[in-house]
Amino acid sequence: MAGDLAQDFLFQRIREMTPQQVSLVDTISELLNVSSDSAYRGIRGETPLVLEEAKLLCHHFHLSLDQLLNIRSNSTLFQTSYINNTQYTFDNYLKDLLNQLRHIEGFIKKEIIFLTKKLHIFAKMLSAPFFAFRYFFWNKSIVSSPEYATKGFVLDCLAPETKAIAKDMARTYSRIPSTEIWNTEAVNRIILQIAYYKEMGVFSSAADIKAVYDSIEETLFHLKEQAEYGVKFYPGENPSMKKQNLRFFYNRVVLGDNTILVTTDHIRTVYLNYNVLNYMITRDEKFCVNTFNELDTLTRRSTMISETGEKQRNIFFNILISKIEDRKRHL
């Protein structure tokens, strides 16, 4: 691709990815640390970008420099996040997720397609005891935060700021239209984790274990109600006052993995989960198109249980809820 065409292509992609209420000139000016006039000339192609500027823009907007320069290869460029206990903490991770949700919400046309093999993170934020356990588990057993090494679980382990972030994330996610593809394995992992902590003596009492199970069950009933209305809403909100924005599918075809495909206007972005919490991001067009086609095929082979499909909806959620009730009986 010739240089001027590459620059035109780059700014076309950036323009498509920028919410309409955000000034493209101001964004470019700030990123490249140049005047608004210089940014405007670059966008119009009157001033060529240097390689470092193109690299900076590609990095910020998660674009492939290979694709920009039309370098043919079988590789796909991903941006990764990796939680550690120094530069990028778990709380930083949550704040970044919230910022990404807000960015997605800023577009006029947006949708999230979510293939999940477990209760996803936004569902876990709908009930405080459930999220408190997940937050504790992630810090203690996944992130290995030093301050959690010898801690036992208590229900009020969340700091006020963490509670506020979780509530904001759940509310923001509920406002973004989504297609969610679930299977009946969704609660298996959390059940195993609770049982493991029970054996380790991490819980202070059986009452706390029951409170977590009750919270999970409450979450499942809320998800069932969301599917019934075809609407995502935060607990306490009236679903009849909201626009329909949820397609919920019961997947009995494949177990799958945790894959998220986000469409904002005409741009697709894929998030692939790895190592429990971390994720890789790509906007590679070929990869995103292939992922969309695979998810579309899976939805057509699954049963839609939002709004319609009451019998299958009851079957699906009764399977999940019965697993939780069984564990509660054996406390």
Protein backbone atom coordinates (compact mmCIF):
# COMPACT_ATOMS: atom_id res chain seq x y z
CA MET A 1 0.00 0.00 0.00
CA ALA A 2 1.45 3.36 -0.98
CA GLY A 3 2.26 5.76 1.85
CA ASP A 4 -0.53 8.25 1.19
CA LEU A 5 -3.10 5.45 0.79
CA ALA A 6 -1.84 3.83 4.00
CA GLN A 7 -2.29 7.12 5.86
CA ASP A 8 -5.79 7.56 4.42
CA PHE A 9 -6.66 4.01 5.45
CA LEU A 10 -5.30 4.55 8.96
CA PHE A 11 -7.35 7.67 9.61
CA GLN A 12 -10.44 6.10 8.02
CA ARG A 13 -10.18 3.24 10.52
CA ILE A 14 -9.57 5.63 13.42
CA ARG A 15 -12.53 7.78 12.38
CA GLU A 16 -14.78 4.70 12.29
CA MET A 17 -13.63 3.72 15.80
CA THR A 18 -14.16 7.15 17.35
CA PRO A 19 -17.57 7.94 18.90
CA GLN A 20 -19.36 10.75 17.07
CA GLN A 21 -19.35 13.04 20.09
CA VAL A 22 -15.54 12.82 20.35
CA SER A 23 -13.41 15.23 18.31
CA LEU A 24 -11.06 13.30 16.05
CA VAL A 25 -8.75 16.32 15.65
CA ASP A 26 -8.47 16.79 19.42
CA THR A 27 -7.80 13.07 19.93
CA ILE A 28 -5.00 12.98 17.34
CA SER A 29 -3.55 16.25 18.61
CA GLU A 30 -3.34 14.92 22.14
CA LEU A 31 -1.93 11.53 21.17
CA LEU A 32 0.79 12.92 18.91
CA ASN A 33 1.42 16.01 21.04
CA VAL A 34 0.95 18.35 18.08
CA SER A 35 -1.23 21.37 17.43
CA SER A 36 -4.81 20.99 16.23
CA ASP A 37 -3.76 22.46 12.88
CA SER A 38 -0.99 19.84 12.48
CA ALA A 39 -3.40 17.07 13.45
CA TYR A 40 -5.93 18.33 10.91
CA ARG A 41 -3.33 18.39 8.12
CA GLY A 42 -2.28 14.85 9.00
CA ILE A 43 -5.88 13.61 8.91
CA ARG A 44 -6.38 15.24 5.49
CA GLY A 45 -3.13 13.70 4.22
CA GLU A 46 -1.49 17.07 3.62
CA THR A 47 1.32 16.22 6.07
CA PRO A 48 2.77 12.68 6.02
CA LEU A 49 3.01 10.76 9.27
CA VAL A 50 6.43 9.57 10.37
CA LEU A 51 6.74 5.88 11.30
CA GLU A 52 6.76 6.54 15.05
CA GLU A 53 3.52 8.52 14.79
CA ALA A 54 1.85 5.75 12.82
CA LYS A 55 3.12 3.22 15.37
CA LEU A 56 1.74 5.28 18.26
CA LEU A 57 -1.67 5.61 16.64
CA CYS A 58 -1.82 1.90 15.79
CA HIS A 59 -0.90 0.99 19.36
CA HIS A 60 -3.53 3.28 20.88
CA PHE A 61 -6.33 2.13 18.58
CA HIS A 62 -5.27 -1.54 18.55
CA LEU A 63 -4.61 -1.56 14.81
CA SER A 64 -2.11 -3.69 12.92
CA LEU A 65 0.81 -1.83 11.37
CA ASP A 66 1.32 -4.90 9.15
CA GLN A 67 -2.20 -4.51 7.80
CA LEU A 68 -1.70 -0.78 7.36
CA LEU A 69 1.41 -1.37 5.23
CA ASN A 70 -0.24 -4.33 3.45
CA ILE A 71 2.34 -6.84 4.64
CA ARG A 72 0.96 -10.25 3.80
CA SER A 73 1.35 -12.88 6.51
CA ASN A 74 -0.58 -15.49 8.43
CA SER A 75 -0.04 -13.68 11.73
CA THR A 76 -2.61 -11.77 13.77
CA LEU A 77 -1.68 -8.85 15.99
CA PHE A 78 -3.05 -8.91 19.54
CA GLN A 79 -2.77 -6.44 22.37
CA THR A 80 -2.59 -8.16 25.74
CA SER A 81 -3.29 -7.29 29.33
CA TYR A 82 -1.63 -9.15 32.17
CA ILE A 83 -2.46 -8.58 35.82
CA ASN A 84 0.43 -8.43 38.27
CA ASN A 85 0.88 -6.96 41.73
CA THR A 86 2.99 -3.98 40.72
CA GLN A 87 2.41 -2.04 37.49
CA TYR A 88 -1.02 -3.49 36.67
CA THR A 89 -3.07 -4.56 39.67
CA PHE A 90 -6.44 -6.28 39.74
CA ASP A 91 -8.11 -2.98 40.63
CA ASN A 92 -6.42 -1.37 37.60
CA TYR A 93 -7.84 -4.21 35.53
CA LEU A 94 -11.38 -3.51 36.76
CA LYS A 95 -11.02 0.21 36.04
CA ASP A 96 -9.78 -0.54 32.52
CA LEU A 97 -12.77 -2.83 31.88
CA LEU A 98 -15.10 -0.07 33.03
CA ASN A 99 -13.41 2.45 30.72
CA GLN A 100 -13.74 0.05 27.79
CA LEU A 101 -17.43 -0.44 28.51
CA ARG A 102 -17.94 3.32 28.62
CA HIS A 103 -16.11 3.66 25.31
CA ILE A 104 -18.35 1.03 23.71
CA GLU A 105 -21.47 2.68 25.14
CA GLY A 106 -20.48 5.96 23.48
CA PHE A 107 -21.20 4.62 19.98
CA ILE A 108 -24.62 4.90 18.40
CA LYS A 109 -24.51 1.35 17.05
CA LYS A 110 -22.96 -1.22 19.34
CA GLU A 111 -23.36 -4.87 20.28
CA ILE A 112 -21.48 -7.41 22.38
CA ILE A 113 -21.57 -11.08 21.39
CA PHE A 114 -20.50 -13.14 24.40
CA LEU A 115 -19.70 -16.86 24.26
CA THR A 116 -19.21 -17.90 27.86
CA LYS A 117 -18.49 -21.23 29.51
CA LYS A 118 -19.00 -19.82 33.00
CA LEU A 119 -20.88 -17.01 34.72
CA HIS A 120 -19.18 -13.99 33.17
CA ILE A 121 -17.70 -11.17 35.21
CA PHE A 122 -20.62 -8.76 34.69
CA ALA A 123 -23.11 -11.34 35.99
CA LYS A 124 -20.95 -11.79 39.07
CA MET A 125 -21.38 -8.11 39.90
CA LEU A 126 -25.16 -8.26 40.22
CA SER A 127 -25.16 -9.48 43.84
CA ALA A 128 -22.67 -8.23 46.44
CA PRO A 129 -21.81 -11.49 48.31
CA PHE A 130 -21.16 -13.29 45.03
CA PHE A 131 -18.83 -10.58 43.75
CA ALA A 132 -17.13 -10.35 47.17
CA PHE A 133 -16.24 -14.05 46.94
CA ARG A 134 -15.04 -13.74 43.34
CA TYR A 135 -12.95 -10.66 44.15
CA PHE A 136 -11.40 -12.48 47.11
CA PHE A 137 -10.78 -15.67 45.10
CA TRP A 138 -9.19 -13.83 42.18
CA ASN A 139 -6.84 -11.91 44.48
CA LYS A 140 -5.91 -14.89 46.63
CA SER A 141 -5.69 -17.77 44.15
CA ILE A 142 -5.25 -16.22 40.69
CA VAL A 143 -3.40 -12.92 41.10
CA SER A 144 -1.64 -14.11 44.29
CA SER A 145 -1.81 -10.71 45.97
CA PRO A 146 0.56 -10.85 48.99
CA GLU A 147 -1.95 -9.27 51.37
CA TYR A 148 -4.39 -12.13 50.65
CA ALA A 149 -1.91 -14.96 51.29
CA THR A 150 -3.06 -15.67 54.85
CA LYS A 151 -6.47 -14.01 54.78
CA GLY A 152 -9.74 -15.83 55.34
CA PHE A 153 -12.88 -14.88 53.47
CA VAL A 154 -15.36 -12.46 54.99
CA LEU A 155 -18.48 -11.12 53.29
CA ASP A 156 -17.56 -7.46 53.78
CA CYS A 157 -14.12 -7.72 52.14
CA LEU A 158 -14.89 -5.18 49.40
CA ALA A 159 -13.66 -1.62 49.72
CA PRO A 160 -16.27 1.10 48.96
CA GLU A 161 -14.39 2.07 45.78
CA THR A 162 -14.44 -1.54 44.54
CA LYS A 163 -18.16 -1.81 45.23
CA ALA A 164 -18.75 1.40 43.29
CA ILE A 165 -16.70 0.20 40.30
CA ALA A 166 -18.53 -3.15 40.23
CA LYS A 167 -21.93 -1.44 40.38
CA ASP A 168 -20.95 0.99 37.61
CA MET A 169 -19.63 -1.85 35.43
CA ALA A 170 -22.81 -3.91 35.84
CA ARG A 171 -25.02 -0.90 35.09
CA THR A 172 -22.97 0.13 32.04
CA TYR A 173 -22.93 -3.42 30.66
CA SER A 174 -26.71 -3.60 31.09
CA ARG A 175 -27.13 -0.61 28.76
CA ILE A 176 -25.17 -2.16 25.89
CA PRO A 177 -27.10 -4.55 23.57
CA SER A 178 -25.71 -8.07 23.70
CA THR A 179 -26.08 -11.59 22.42
CA GLU A 180 -25.08 -14.11 25.11
CA ILE A 181 -24.42 -17.79 24.45
CA TRP A 182 -24.53 -19.93 27.59
CA ASN A 183 -24.37 -23.61 28.50
CA THR A 184 -25.26 -25.62 31.60
CA GLU A 185 -21.61 -25.87 32.68
CA ALA A 186 -21.77 -22.21 33.72
CA VAL A 187 -21.83 -22.76 37.50
CA ASN A 188 -19.58 -25.82 37.72
CA ARG A 189 -16.35 -23.92 38.24
CA ILE A 190 -17.66 -21.64 40.98
CA ILE A 191 -19.07 -24.68 42.83
CA LEU A 192 -15.65 -26.36 42.72
CA GLN A 193 -13.93 -23.21 43.97
CA ILE A 194 -16.29 -22.82 46.91
CA ALA A 195 -15.82 -26.50 47.81
CA TYR A 196 -12.04 -26.09 47.60
CA TYR A 197 -12.06 -23.08 49.93
CA LYS A 198 -14.38 -24.91 52.31
CA GLU A 199 -11.90 -27.80 52.54
CA MET A 200 -9.03 -25.36 53.06
CA GLY A 201 -10.86 -23.65 55.93
CA VAL A 202 -10.85 -20.27 54.17
CA PHE A 203 -14.49 -19.59 55.12
CA SER A 204 -15.08 -18.43 58.68
CA SER A 205 -18.50 -20.11 58.93
CA ALA A 206 -21.04 -22.26 57.11
CA ALA A 207 -23.33 -19.21 57.17
CA ASP A 208 -20.89 -17.32 54.93
CA ILE A 209 -20.80 -20.23 52.48
CA LYS A 210 -24.59 -20.29 52.40
CA ALA A 211 -24.67 -16.51 51.86
CA VAL A 212 -22.44 -16.90 48.78
CA TYR A 213 -24.59 -19.74 47.41
CA ASP A 214 -27.75 -17.70 48.07
CA SER A 215 -26.17 -14.80 46.20
CA ILE A 216 -25.34 -17.02 43.20
CA GLU A 217 -28.89 -18.35 43.20
CA GLU A 218 -30.22 -14.79 43.35
CA THR A 219 -28.03 -13.93 40.35
CA LEU A 220 -29.39 -16.88 38.37
CA PHE A 221 -32.99 -15.86 39.06
CA HIS A 222 -32.12 -12.33 37.93
CA LEU A 223 -30.52 -13.63 34.71
CA LYS A 224 -33.62 -15.74 34.09
CA GLU A 225 -35.80 -12.64 34.47
CA GLN A 226 -33.54 -10.75 32.07
CA ALA A 227 -33.94 -13.55 29.52
CA GLU A 228 -37.71 -13.56 30.02
CA TYR A 229 -37.97 -9.85 29.22
CA GLY A 230 -35.16 -9.79 26.65
CA VAL A 231 -33.74 -6.88 28.63
CA LYS A 232 -30.58 -6.41 30.69
CA PHE A 233 -31.26 -4.42 33.82
CA TYR A 234 -29.68 -3.84 37.20
CA PRO A 235 -31.41 -5.33 40.29
CA GLY A 236 -34.16 -3.02 41.48
CA GLU A 237 -34.73 -1.50 38.03
CA ASN A 238 -38.01 -2.01 36.18
CA PRO A 239 -37.34 -4.05 32.99
CA SER A 240 -40.62 -2.93 31.41
CA MET A 241 -39.22 0.62 31.35
CA LYS A 242 -36.18 -0.38 29.27
CA LYS A 243 -35.59 -1.18 25.62
CA GLN A 244 -35.04 -4.79 24.62
CA ASN A 245 -31.29 -5.35 24.32
CA LEU A 246 -30.64 -9.01 25.11
CA ARG A 247 -30.63 -12.16 23.02
CA PHE A 248 -29.95 -15.14 25.27
CA PHE A 249 -29.04 -18.52 23.74
CA TYR A 250 -28.93 -21.98 25.33
CA ASN A 251 -25.98 -23.73 23.72
CA ARG A 252 -25.92 -27.53 23.79
CA VAL A 253 -23.59 -27.89 20.83
CA VAL A 254 -20.10 -27.12 22.14
CA LEU A 255 -18.61 -26.17 25.49
CA GLY A 256 -16.67 -23.38 23.80
CA ASP A 257 -14.50 -20.84 25.56
CA ASN A 258 -14.77 -17.26 26.76
CA THR A 259 -14.88 -15.16 23.59
CA ILE A 260 -16.23 -11.64 23.23
CA LEU A 261 -16.85 -9.92 19.90
CA VAL A 262 -17.71 -6.22 20.11
CA THR A 263 -19.17 -4.30 17.18
CA THR A 264 -19.11 -0.49 17.33
CA ASP A 265 -20.60 1.07 14.23
CA HIS A 266 -18.68 -0.83 11.52
CA ILE A 267 -15.65 -1.91 13.55
CA ARG A 268 -15.29 -5.35 15.14
CA THR A 269 -13.03 -6.17 18.06
CA VAL A 270 -12.37 -9.62 19.52
CA TYR A 271 -11.42 -10.25 23.15
CA LEU A 272 -10.00 -13.68 23.93
CA ASN A 273 -9.77 -14.73 27.56
CA TYR A 274 -6.63 -16.52 28.80
CA ASN A 275 -5.18 -17.47 32.19
CA VAL A 276 -8.57 -16.99 33.89
CA LEU A 277 -8.72 -13.17 33.96
CA ASN A 278 -6.38 -11.81 31.31
CA TYR A 279 -7.42 -11.17 27.74
CA MET A 280 -6.00 -10.51 24.28
CA ILE A 281 -7.53 -7.93 21.95
CA THR A 282 -7.44 -7.72 18.17
CA ARG A 283 -9.16 -5.71 15.46
CA ASP A 284 -7.61 -7.74 12.65
CA GLU A 285 -10.39 -7.75 10.05
CA LYS A 286 -9.93 -11.31 8.83
CA PHE A 287 -9.75 -12.73 12.35
CA CYS A 288 -12.80 -10.73 13.48
CA VAL A 289 -14.86 -11.75 10.46
CA ASN A 290 -14.00 -15.42 11.02
CA THR A 291 -14.88 -15.13 14.71
CA PHE A 292 -18.19 -13.42 13.89
CA ASN A 293 -19.08 -16.15 11.39
CA GLU A 294 -18.28 -18.90 13.91
CA LEU A 295 -20.36 -17.24 16.63
CA ASP A 296 -23.20 -16.64 14.18
CA THR A 297 -23.17 -20.33 13.24
CA LEU A 298 -23.21 -21.30 16.91
CA THR A 299 -26.23 -19.09 17.65
CA ARG A 300 -28.13 -20.68 14.78
CA ARG A 301 -27.39 -24.10 16.27
CA SER A 302 -28.41 -23.00 19.76
CA THR A 303 -31.85 -22.35 21.27
CA MET A 304 -32.91 -18.75 21.81
CA ILE A 305 -34.55 -18.55 25.24
CA SER A 306 -34.98 -14.80 25.62
CA GLU A 307 -38.56 -13.49 25.33
CA THR A 308 -39.76 -16.71 23.67
CA GLY A 309 -38.84 -20.33 24.43
CA GLU A 310 -40.28 -20.42 27.97
CA LYS A 311 -40.02 -24.21 28.27
CA GLN A 312 -36.36 -24.31 27.24
CA ARG A 313 -35.62 -21.25 29.39
CA ASN A 314 -37.06 -22.99 32.45
CA ILE A 315 -35.12 -26.16 31.68
CA PHE A 316 -31.85 -24.26 31.31
CA PHE A 317 -32.10 -22.20 34.49
CA ASN A 318 -33.58 -25.06 36.54
CA ILE A 319 -30.49 -27.12 35.75
CA LEU A 320 -28.22 -24.34 37.02
CA ILE A 321 -30.31 -23.51 40.09
CA SER A 322 -30.66 -27.17 41.07
CA LYS A 323 -26.86 -27.48 41.18
CA ILE A 324 -26.67 -24.63 43.67
CA GLU A 325 -29.54 -25.95 45.78
CA ASP A 326 -27.88 -29.36 45.90
CA ARG A 327 -24.68 -27.83 47.31
CA LYS A 328 -26.65 -25.86 49.90
CA ARG A 329 -28.33 -29.07 51.09
CA HIS A 330 -24.92 -30.61 51.73
CA LEU A 331 -23.42 -27.78 53.77
